[in-house]
PDB file of N, CA and C in Angstrom:
ATOM      1  N   MET A   1     -90.706 169.866 -46.886  1.00  0.00           N
ATOM      2  CA  MET A   1     -90.883 170.193 -45.124  1.00  0.00           C
ATOM      3  C   MET A   1     -92.336 171.182 -45.179  1.00  0.00           C
ATOM      4  N   SER A   2     -92.287 171.066 -43.823  1.00  0.00           N
ATOM      5  CA  SER A   2     -93.779 171.927 -43.752  1.00  0.00           C
ATOM      6  C   SER A   2     -93.510 172.476 -42.838  1.00  0.00           C
ATOM      7  N   VAL A   3     -94.264 174.239 -43.003  1.00  0.00           N
ATOM      8  CA  VAL A   3     -93.990 175.004 -41.950  1.00  0.00           C
ATOM      9  C   VAL A   3     -95.103 175.517 -41.169  1.00  0.00           C
ATOM     10  N   TYR A   4     -94.843 175.198 -39.335  1.00  0.00           N
ATOM     11  CA  TYR A   4     -96.370 174.819 -38.938  1.00  0.00           C
ATOM     12  C   TYR A   4     -96.758 175.672 -37.474  1.00  0.00           C
ATOM     13  N   LEU A   5     -97.445 176.642 -36.996  1.00  0.00           N
ATOM     14  CA  LEU A   5     -97.524 177.535 -36.130  1.00  0.00           C
ATOM     15  C   LEU A   5     -98.216 176.399 -34.594  1.00  0.00           C
ATOM     16  N   ILE A   6     -97.150 177.277 -34.309  1.00  0.00           N
ATOM     17  CA  ILE A   6     -97.271 176.284 -32.673  1.00  0.00           C
ATOM     18  C   ILE A   6     -97.789 177.475 -31.485  1.00  0.00           C
ATOM     19  N   THR A   7     -98.266 177.245 -31.216  1.00  0.00           N
ATOM     20  CA  THR A   7     -99.807 177.875 -30.294  1.00  0.00           C
ATOM     21  C   THR A   7     -99.484 177.180 -28.954  1.00  0.00           C
ATOM     22  N   TYR A   8     -99.460 177.932 -27.432  1.00  0.00           N
ATOM     23  CA  TYR A   8     -99.846 177.436 -26.788  1.00  0.00           C
ATOM     24  C   TYR A   8    -100.245 178.052 -25.503  1.00  0.00           C
ATOM     25  N   ASP A   9    -101.005 177.653 -24.620  1.00  0.00           N
ATOM     26  CA  ASP A   9    -101.817 178.052 -23.586  1.00  0.00           C
ATOM     27  C   ASP A   9    -101.059 176.836 -21.916  1.00  0.00           C
ATOM     28  N   LEU A  10    -100.172 178.344 -21.328  1.00  0.00           N
ATOM     29  CA  LEU A  10    -100.196 177.332 -20.257  1.00  0.00           C
ATOM     30  C   LEU A  10    -101.142 177.529 -19.054  1.00  0.00           C
ATOM     31  N   ASN A  11    -101.984 176.724 -18.333  1.00  0.00           N
ATOM     32  CA  ASN A  11    -102.273 177.087 -17.778  1.00  0.00           C
ATOM     33  C   ASN A  11    -102.623 177.453 -16.269  1.00  0.00           C
ATOM     34  N   ASP A  12    -101.574 176.909 -15.753  1.00  0.00           N
ATOM     35  CA  ASP A  12    -101.391 177.208 -14.450  1.00  0.00           C
ATOM     36  C   ASP A  12    -100.077 178.217 -14.419  1.00  0.00           C
ATOM     37  N   PRO A  13    -100.474 179.238 -13.201  1.00  0.00           N
ATOM     38  CA  PRO A  13     -98.848 180.077 -13.247  1.00  0.00           C
ATOM     39  C   PRO A  13     -97.456 179.752 -12.068  1.00  0.00           C
ATOM     40  N   GLY A  14     -96.742 179.816 -12.720  1.00  0.00           N
ATOM     41  CA  GLY A  14     -95.428 179.693 -12.244  1.00  0.00           C
ATOM     42  C   GLY A  14     -94.963 178.900 -13.448  1.00  0.00           C
ATOM     43  N   GLN A  15     -95.705 177.774 -14.411  1.00  0.00           N
ATOM     44  CA  GLN A  15     -94.836 177.534 -15.565  1.00  0.00           C
ATOM     45  C   GLN A  15     -94.191 177.610 -15.941  1.00  0.00           C
ATOM     46  N   ASP A  16     -92.546 176.453 -16.278  1.00  0.00           N
ATOM     47  CA  ASP A  16     -91.726 176.129 -16.427  1.00  0.00           C
ATOM     48  C   ASP A  16     -91.867 176.591 -18.277  1.00  0.00           C
ATOM     49  N   TYR A  17     -91.132 177.062 -18.674  1.00  0.00           N
ATOM     50  CA  TYR A  17     -91.473 177.428 -20.529  1.00  0.00           C
ATOM     51  C   TYR A  17     -90.327 177.083 -20.961  1.00  0.00           C
ATOM     52  N   SER A  18     -89.448 176.384 -20.150  1.00  0.00           N
ATOM     53  CA  SER A  18     -87.972 175.724 -20.792  1.00  0.00           C
ATOM     54  C   SER A  18     -87.672 174.789 -21.293  1.00  0.00           C
ATOM     55  N   ASP A  19     -88.249 173.184 -20.579  1.00  0.00           N
ATOM     56  CA  ASP A  19     -88.484 172.325 -21.571  1.00  0.00           C
ATOM     57  C   ASP A  19     -89.466 172.416 -22.928  1.00  0.00           C
ATOM     58  N   LEU A  20     -90.434 172.682 -23.514  1.00  0.00           N
ATOM     59  CA  LEU A  20     -90.847 173.431 -24.284  1.00  0.00           C
ATOM     60  C   LEU A  20     -90.480 174.339 -24.987  1.00  0.00           C
ATOM     61  N   HIS A  21     -90.268 175.474 -24.495  1.00  0.00           N
ATOM     62  CA  HIS A  21     -89.526 176.222 -25.427  1.00  0.00           C
ATOM     63  C   HIS A  21     -87.750 175.400 -26.285  1.00  0.00           C
ATOM     64  N   ASP A  22     -87.085 175.195 -25.325  1.00  0.00           N
ATOM     65  CA  ASP A  22     -86.016 173.689 -26.217  1.00  0.00           C
ATOM     66  C   ASP A  22     -86.586 173.048 -27.325  1.00  0.00           C
ATOM     67  N   ALA A  23     -87.855 172.408 -26.320  1.00  0.00           N
ATOM     68  CA  ALA A  23     -88.653 171.200 -27.360  1.00  0.00           C
ATOM     69  C   ALA A  23     -88.490 171.595 -29.077  1.00  0.00           C
ATOM     70  N   ILE A  24     -89.192 172.809 -28.885  1.00  0.00           N
ATOM     71  CA  ILE A  24     -89.612 173.655 -29.763  1.00  0.00           C
ATOM     72  C   ILE A  24     -88.352 173.713 -31.089  1.00  0.00           C
ATOM     73  N   GLU A  25     -87.110 174.569 -30.129  1.00  0.00           N
ATOM     74  CA  GLU A  25     -85.547 174.710 -31.165  1.00  0.00           C
ATOM     75  C   GLU A  25     -85.341 173.641 -31.344  1.00  0.00           C
ATOM     76  N   SER A  26     -85.516 172.654 -30.555  1.00  0.00           N
ATOM     77  CA  SER A  26     -84.780 171.607 -31.393  1.00  0.00           C
ATOM     78  C   SER A  26     -84.789 171.127 -32.581  1.00  0.00           C
ATOM     79  N   TYR A  27     -86.223 171.860 -33.320  1.00  0.00           N
ATOM     80  CA  TYR A  27     -86.593 171.120 -34.552  1.00  0.00           C
ATOM     81  C   TYR A  27     -85.878 171.941 -35.363  1.00  0.00           C
ATOM     82  N   GLY A  28     -85.010 173.315 -34.824  1.00  0.00           N
ATOM     83  CA  GLY A  28     -83.305 173.330 -35.680  1.00  0.00           C
ATOM     84  C   GLY A  28     -83.876 174.514 -36.673  1.00  0.00           C
ATOM     85  N   ASP A  29     -84.685 174.564 -37.702  1.00  0.00           N
ATOM     86  CA  ASP A  29     -85.315 175.513 -37.902  1.00  0.00           C
ATOM     87  C   ASP A  29     -86.140 176.405 -37.740  1.00  0.00           C
ATOM     88  N   PHE A  30     -86.378 177.643 -36.779  1.00  0.00           N
ATOM     89  CA  PHE A  30     -87.550 178.030 -35.921  1.00  0.00           C
ATOM     90  C   PHE A  30     -87.750 179.527 -35.662  1.00  0.00           C
ATOM     91  N   CYS A  31     -89.009 179.935 -35.898  1.00  0.00           N
ATOM     92  CA  CYS A  31     -89.214 181.373 -35.578  1.00  0.00           C
ATOM     93  C   CYS A  31     -89.939 182.326 -34.357  1.00  0.00           C
ATOM     94  N   HIS A  32     -89.300 182.619 -33.497  1.00  0.00           N
ATOM     95  CA  HIS A  32     -90.505 182.853 -32.371  1.00  0.00           C
ATOM     96  C   HIS A  32     -91.262 184.080 -32.211  1.00  0.00           C
ATOM     97  N   ILE A  33     -92.064 184.150 -32.793  1.00  0.00           N
ATOM     98  CA  ILE A  33     -92.887 184.919 -33.552  1.00  0.00           C
ATOM     99  C   ILE A  33     -93.285 186.439 -32.609  1.00  0.00           C
ATOM    100  N   LEU A  34     -94.256 185.609 -31.788  1.00  0.00           N
ATOM    101  CA  LEU A  34     -95.138 186.134 -30.270  1.00  0.00           C
ATOM    102  C   LEU A  34     -94.843 185.527 -29.356  1.00  0.00           C
ATOM    103  N   GLU A  35     -95.242 185.876 -28.113  1.00  0.00           N
ATOM    104  CA  GLU A  35     -94.699 185.386 -26.929  1.00  0.00           C
ATOM    105  C   GLU A  35     -95.095 183.758 -26.233  1.00  0.00           C
ATOM    106  N   SER A  36     -96.000 183.205 -26.792  1.00  0.00           N
ATOM    107  CA  SER A  36     -96.843 181.489 -27.426  1.00  0.00           C
ATOM    108  C   SER A  36     -96.433 181.442 -28.862  1.00  0.00           C
ATOM    109  N   CYS A  37     -96.351 181.503 -29.411  1.00  0.00           N
ATOM    110  CA  CYS A  37     -96.770 181.906 -30.170  1.00  0.00           C
ATOM    111  C   CYS A  37     -94.868 181.256 -31.302  1.00  0.00           C
ATOM    112  N   TRP A  38     -94.907 179.824 -32.230  1.00  0.00           N
ATOM    113  CA  TRP A  38     -93.670 180.030 -32.875  1.00  0.00           C
ATOM    114  C   TRP A  38     -93.979 179.462 -34.157  1.00  0.00           C
ATOM    115  N   LEU A  39     -92.897 179.396 -34.710  1.00  0.00           N
ATOM    116  CA  LEU A  39     -92.738 179.143 -36.628  1.00  0.00           C
ATOM    117  C   LEU A  39     -91.935 177.734 -36.273  1.00  0.00           C
ATOM    118  N   VAL A  40     -91.986 176.741 -37.291  1.00  0.00           N
ATOM    119  CA  VAL A  40     -91.214 175.809 -37.142  1.00  0.00           C
ATOM    120  C   VAL A  40     -91.368 174.886 -38.487  1.00  0.00           C
ATOM    121  N   ASP A  41     -90.403 174.489 -39.403  1.00  0.00           N
ATOM    122  CA  ASP A  41     -89.737 174.560 -40.627  1.00  0.00           C
ATOM    123  C   ASP A  41     -89.658 172.486 -40.361  1.00  0.00           C
ATOM    124  N   THR A  42     -89.841 171.743 -40.567  1.00  0.00           N
ATOM    125  CA  THR A  42     -88.789 170.381 -40.508  1.00  0.00           C
ATOM    126  C   THR A  42     -90.374 169.239 -40.997  1.00  0.00           C
ATOM    127  N   ASP A  43     -90.217 168.150 -41.241  1.00  0.00           N
ATOM    128  CA  ASP A  43     -90.092 167.017 -42.501  1.00  0.00           C
ATOM    129  C   ASP A  43     -91.111 166.512 -41.558  1.00  0.00           C
ATOM    130  N   ASP A  44     -91.585 166.788 -39.757  1.00  0.00           N
ATOM    131  CA  ASP A  44     -92.302 165.729 -39.160  1.00  0.00           C
ATOM    132  C   ASP A  44     -93.678 166.491 -40.232  1.00  0.00           C
ATOM    133  N   SER A  45     -94.499 165.367 -39.637  1.00  0.00           N
ATOM    134  CA  SER A  45     -96.331 165.884 -39.408  1.00  0.00           C
ATOM    135  C   SER A  45     -96.709 166.593 -38.451  1.00  0.00           C
ATOM    136  N   VAL A  46     -97.935 167.515 -38.923  1.00  0.00           N
ATOM    137  CA  VAL A  46     -98.344 168.073 -37.962  1.00  0.00           C
ATOM    138  C   VAL A  46     -98.233 166.970 -36.926  1.00  0.00           C
ATOM    139  N   SER A  47     -99.099 166.028 -36.544  1.00  0.00           N
ATOM    140  CA  SER A  47    -100.203 165.273 -35.493  1.00  0.00           C
ATOM    141  C   SER A  47     -98.120 164.198 -34.704  1.00  0.00           C
ATOM    142  N   ASP A  48     -97.353 164.941 -35.180  1.00  0.00           N
ATOM    143  CA  ASP A  48     -95.801 164.242 -35.067  1.00  0.00           C
ATOM    144  C   ASP A  48     -94.634 165.069 -34.326  1.00  0.00           C
ATOM    145  N   VAL A  49     -95.788 166.267 -34.653  1.00  0.00           N
ATOM    146  CA  VAL A  49     -94.846 167.445 -33.504  1.00  0.00           C
ATOM    147  C   VAL A  49     -95.687 167.843 -32.462  1.00  0.00           C
ATOM    148  N   ARG A  50     -96.687 167.575 -32.593  1.00  0.00           N
ATOM    149  CA  ARG A  50     -97.829 167.857 -31.349  1.00  0.00           C
ATOM    150  C   ARG A  50     -98.054 166.794 -30.492  1.00  0.00           C
ATOM    151  N   ASP A  51     -97.297 165.244 -30.631  1.00  0.00           N
ATOM    152  CA  ASP A  51     -97.208 165.040 -30.126  1.00  0.00           C
ATOM    153  C   ASP A  51     -96.041 164.678 -29.870  1.00  0.00           C
ATOM    154  N   GLU A  52     -94.634 164.547 -29.819  1.00  0.00           N
ATOM    155  CA  GLU A  52     -93.715 165.317 -29.499  1.00  0.00           C
ATOM    156  C   GLU A  52     -93.543 166.797 -28.598  1.00  0.00           C
ATOM    157  N   LEU A  53     -94.740 168.330 -28.300  1.00  0.00           N
ATOM    158  CA  LEU A  53     -94.739 168.455 -27.959  1.00  0.00           C
ATOM    159  C   LEU A  53     -95.246 168.952 -26.325  1.00  0.00           C
ATOM    160  N   LYS A  54     -96.114 167.684 -26.741  1.00  0.00           N
ATOM    161  CA  LYS A  54     -97.440 167.333 -25.780  1.00  0.00           C
ATOM    162  C   LYS A  54     -96.910 167.007 -24.134  1.00  0.00           C
ATOM    163  N   THR A  55     -95.395 165.780 -24.672  1.00  0.00           N
ATOM    164  CA  THR A  55     -95.039 165.149 -24.007  1.00  0.00           C
ATOM    165  C   THR A  55     -94.356 166.948 -22.494  1.00  0.00           C
ATOM    166  N   HIS A  56     -93.327 168.374 -22.841  1.00  0.00           N
ATOM    167  CA  HIS A  56     -93.485 168.840 -22.481  1.00  0.00           C
ATOM    168  C   HIS A  56     -94.565 169.955 -21.648  1.00  0.00           C
ATOM    169  N   ILE A  57     -95.969 169.728 -21.533  1.00  0.00           N
ATOM    170  CA  ILE A  57     -97.370 170.638 -21.406  1.00  0.00           C
ATOM    171  C   ILE A  57     -97.396 169.679 -20.277  1.00  0.00           C
ATOM    172  N   ASP A  58     -98.463 170.164 -19.296  1.00  0.00           N
ATOM    173  CA  ASP A  58     -99.458 169.850 -18.176  1.00  0.00           C
ATOM    174  C   ASP A  58    -100.451 169.086 -19.273  1.00  0.00           C
ATOM    175  N   ASN A  59    -100.924 168.131 -18.507  1.00  0.00           N
ATOM    176  CA  ASN A  59    -103.106 167.603 -19.029  1.00  0.00           C
ATOM    177  C   ASN A  59    -104.117 168.683 -19.152  1.00  0.00           C
ATOM    178  N   ASN A  60    -103.582 170.049 -18.164  1.00  0.00           N
ATOM    179  CA  ASN A  60    -104.736 170.747 -18.628  1.00  0.00           C
ATOM    180  C   ASN A  60    -104.052 171.935 -19.535  1.00  0.00           C
ATOM    181  N   ASP A  61    -102.961 171.691 -19.824  1.00  0.00           N
ATOM    182  CA  ASP A  61    -102.672 172.967 -21.309  1.00  0.00           C
ATOM    183  C   ASP A  61    -103.159 173.011 -22.273  1.00  0.00           C
ATOM    184  N   GLU A  62    -103.152 174.314 -23.152  1.00  0.00           N
ATOM    185  CA  GLU A  62    -104.006 173.404 -24.452  1.00  0.00           C
ATOM    186  C   GLU A  62    -102.665 173.815 -25.691  1.00  0.00           C
ATOM    187  N   LEU A  63    -102.882 172.577 -26.944  1.00  0.00           N
ATOM    188  CA  LEU A  63    -101.359 173.266 -27.989  1.00  0.00           C
ATOM    189  C   LEU A  63    -102.562 173.662 -28.710  1.00  0.00           C
ATOM    190  N   PHE A  64    -101.804 174.216 -29.657  1.00  0.00           N
ATOM    191  CA  PHE A  64    -102.552 174.002 -31.709  1.00  0.00           C
ATOM    192  C   PHE A  64    -101.492 173.984 -32.529  1.00  0.00           C
ATOM    193  N   VAL A  65    -101.248 173.365 -32.865  1.00  0.00           N
ATOM    194  CA  VAL A  65    -100.217 173.270 -34.176  1.00  0.00           C
ATOM    195  C   VAL A  65    -100.984 173.303 -35.069  1.00  0.00           C
ATOM    196  N   PHE A  66    -100.144 174.193 -36.587  1.00  0.00           N
ATOM    197  CA  PHE A  66    -101.605 174.263 -37.233  1.00  0.00           C
ATOM    198  C   PHE A  66     -99.901 174.264 -38.515  1.00  0.00           C
ATOM    199  N   LYS A  67    -100.471 173.226 -40.133  1.00  0.00           N
ATOM    200  CA  LYS A  67     -99.849 174.076 -41.072  1.00  0.00           C
ATOM    201  C   LYS A  67    -100.014 175.076 -41.958  1.00  0.00           C
ATOM    202  N   LYS A  68     -98.880 175.395 -42.086  1.00  0.00           N
ATOM    203  CA  LYS A  68     -99.140 177.235 -43.006  1.00  0.00           C
ATOM    204  C   LYS A  68     -99.336 177.374 -44.207  1.00  0.00           C
ATOM    205  N   SER A  69    -100.179 178.335 -44.201  1.00  0.00           N
ATOM    206  CA  SER A  69    -100.461 177.513 -46.984  1.00  0.00           C
ATOM    207  C   SER A  69     -99.332 178.819 -46.620  1.00  0.00           C
ATOM    208  N   GLY A  70     -99.927 179.434 -48.469  1.00  0.00           N
ATOM    209  CA  GLY A  70     -98.991 180.053 -48.344  1.00  0.00           C
ATOM    210  C   GLY A  70     -99.505 181.812 -48.654  1.00  0.00           C
ATOM    211  N   VAL A  71    -100.480 181.587 -47.668  1.00  0.00           N
ATOM    212  CA  VAL A  71    -101.351 183.471 -47.873  1.00  0.00           C
ATOM    213  C   VAL A  71    -101.153 184.274 -45.916  1.00  0.00           C
ATOM    214  N   TRP A  72    -100.596 184.501 -46.196  1.00  0.00           N
ATOM    215  CA  TRP A  72     -99.641 185.280 -44.223  1.00  0.00           C
ATOM    216  C   TRP A  72    -100.214 186.661 -44.886  1.00  0.00           C
ATOM    217  N   ALA A  73    -100.723 187.827 -43.846  1.00  0.00           N
ATOM    218  CA  ALA A  73    -100.033 189.040 -43.997  1.00  0.00           C
ATOM    219  C   ALA A  73     -99.400 189.330 -42.007  1.00  0.00           C
ATOM    220  N   THR A  74     -98.409 190.013 -41.823  1.00  0.00           N
ATOM    221  CA  THR A  74     -98.083 190.154 -40.148  1.00  0.00           C
ATOM    222  C   THR A  74     -98.063 191.968 -40.783  1.00  0.00           C
ATOM    223  N   THR A  75     -97.161 192.455 -39.164  1.00  0.00           N
ATOM    224  CA  THR A  75     -96.738 193.428 -38.868  1.00  0.00           C
ATOM    225  C   THR A  75     -95.083 193.043 -38.164  1.00  0.00           C
ATOM    226  N   PHE A  76     -94.968 191.633 -38.498  1.00  0.00           N
ATOM    227  CA  PHE A  76     -93.683 191.744 -37.432  1.00  0.00           C
ATOM    228  C   PHE A  76     -92.761 191.827 -37.657  1.00  0.00           C
ATOM    229  N   SER A  77     -91.096 192.059 -37.236  1.00  0.00           N
ATOM    230  CA  SER A  77     -90.576 192.561 -37.474  1.00  0.00           C
ATOM    231  C   SER A  77     -89.668 192.384 -38.604  1.00  0.00           C
ATOM    232  N   ASP A  78     -88.722 192.813 -38.873  1.00  0.00           N
ATOM    233  CA  ASP A  78     -87.993 192.481 -40.612  1.00  0.00           C
ATOM    234  C   ASP A  78     -87.266 190.324 -40.645  1.00  0.00           C
ATOM    235  N   ASN A  79     -86.299 190.421 -39.284  1.00  0.00           N
ATOM    236  CA  ASN A  79     -86.132 189.698 -39.136  1.00  0.00           C
ATOM    237  C   ASN A  79     -87.857 188.008 -39.350  1.00  0.00           C
ATOM    238  N   CYS A  80     -88.199 188.621 -38.733  1.00  0.00           N
ATOM    239  CA  CYS A  80     -89.333 187.317 -38.318  1.00  0.00           C
ATOM    240  C   CYS A  80     -89.898 187.457 -40.109  1.00  0.00           C
ATOM    241  N   THR A  81     -90.809 188.522 -40.747  1.00  0.00           N
ATOM    242  CA  THR A  81     -91.040 188.342 -42.082  1.00  0.00           C
ATOM    243  C   THR A  81     -90.390 188.167 -43.149  1.00  0.00           C
ATOM    244  N   ASP A  82     -88.865 188.051 -42.912  1.00  0.00           N
ATOM    245  CA  ASP A  82     -87.758 187.355 -43.795  1.00  0.00           C
ATOM    246  C   ASP A  82     -88.401 185.925 -43.123  1.00  0.00           C
ATOM    247  N   TRP A  83     -87.294 185.320 -42.164  1.00  0.00           N
ATOM    248  CA  TRP A  83     -87.511 184.440 -42.654  1.00  0.00           C
ATOM    249  C   TRP A  83     -89.044 183.313 -42.199  1.00  0.00           C
ATOM    250  N   LEU A  84     -90.772 183.789 -42.494  1.00  0.00           N
ATOM    251  CA  LEU A  84     -91.842 183.676 -43.768  1.00  0.00           C
ATOM    252  C   LEU A  84     -90.960 183.250 -44.975  1.00  0.00           C
ATOM    253  N   HIS A  85     -90.797 184.914 -44.905  1.00  0.00           N
ATOM    254  CA  HIS A  85     -90.933 185.034 -46.905  1.00  0.00           C
ATOM    255  C   HIS A  85     -90.092 183.161 -47.074  1.00  0.00           C
ATOM    256  N   ASP A  86     -88.887 183.012 -46.395  1.00  0.00           N
ATOM    257  CA  ASP A  86     -87.815 182.505 -47.472  1.00  0.00           C
ATOM    258  C   ASP A  86     -88.201 180.560 -46.806  1.00  0.00           C
ATOM    259  N   HIS A  87     -88.906 180.445 -45.890  1.00  0.00           N
ATOM    260  CA  HIS A  87     -89.461 179.811 -45.902  1.00  0.00           C
ATOM    261  C   HIS A  87     -91.192 179.044 -46.469  1.00  0.00           C
TER     262      HIS A  87
END
């Protein structure tokens, strides 16, 4: 399994994030670390994650999916830090 960082900008005001959030949460093992930044642990490839999530955003929105390396530093809450240590 791989951990991916997912971040996005929804560029039109008043957009509804719920479909995108539901799609991210559907990976099952996730951590919502910042306003528009999530971590997911999945067997899917980085391009598969991108392709699935881009169906939940508009053409002018931006999406970034990045595979996490073993090195990181954070000031996150214990809950998110624990999640990162576990994955």
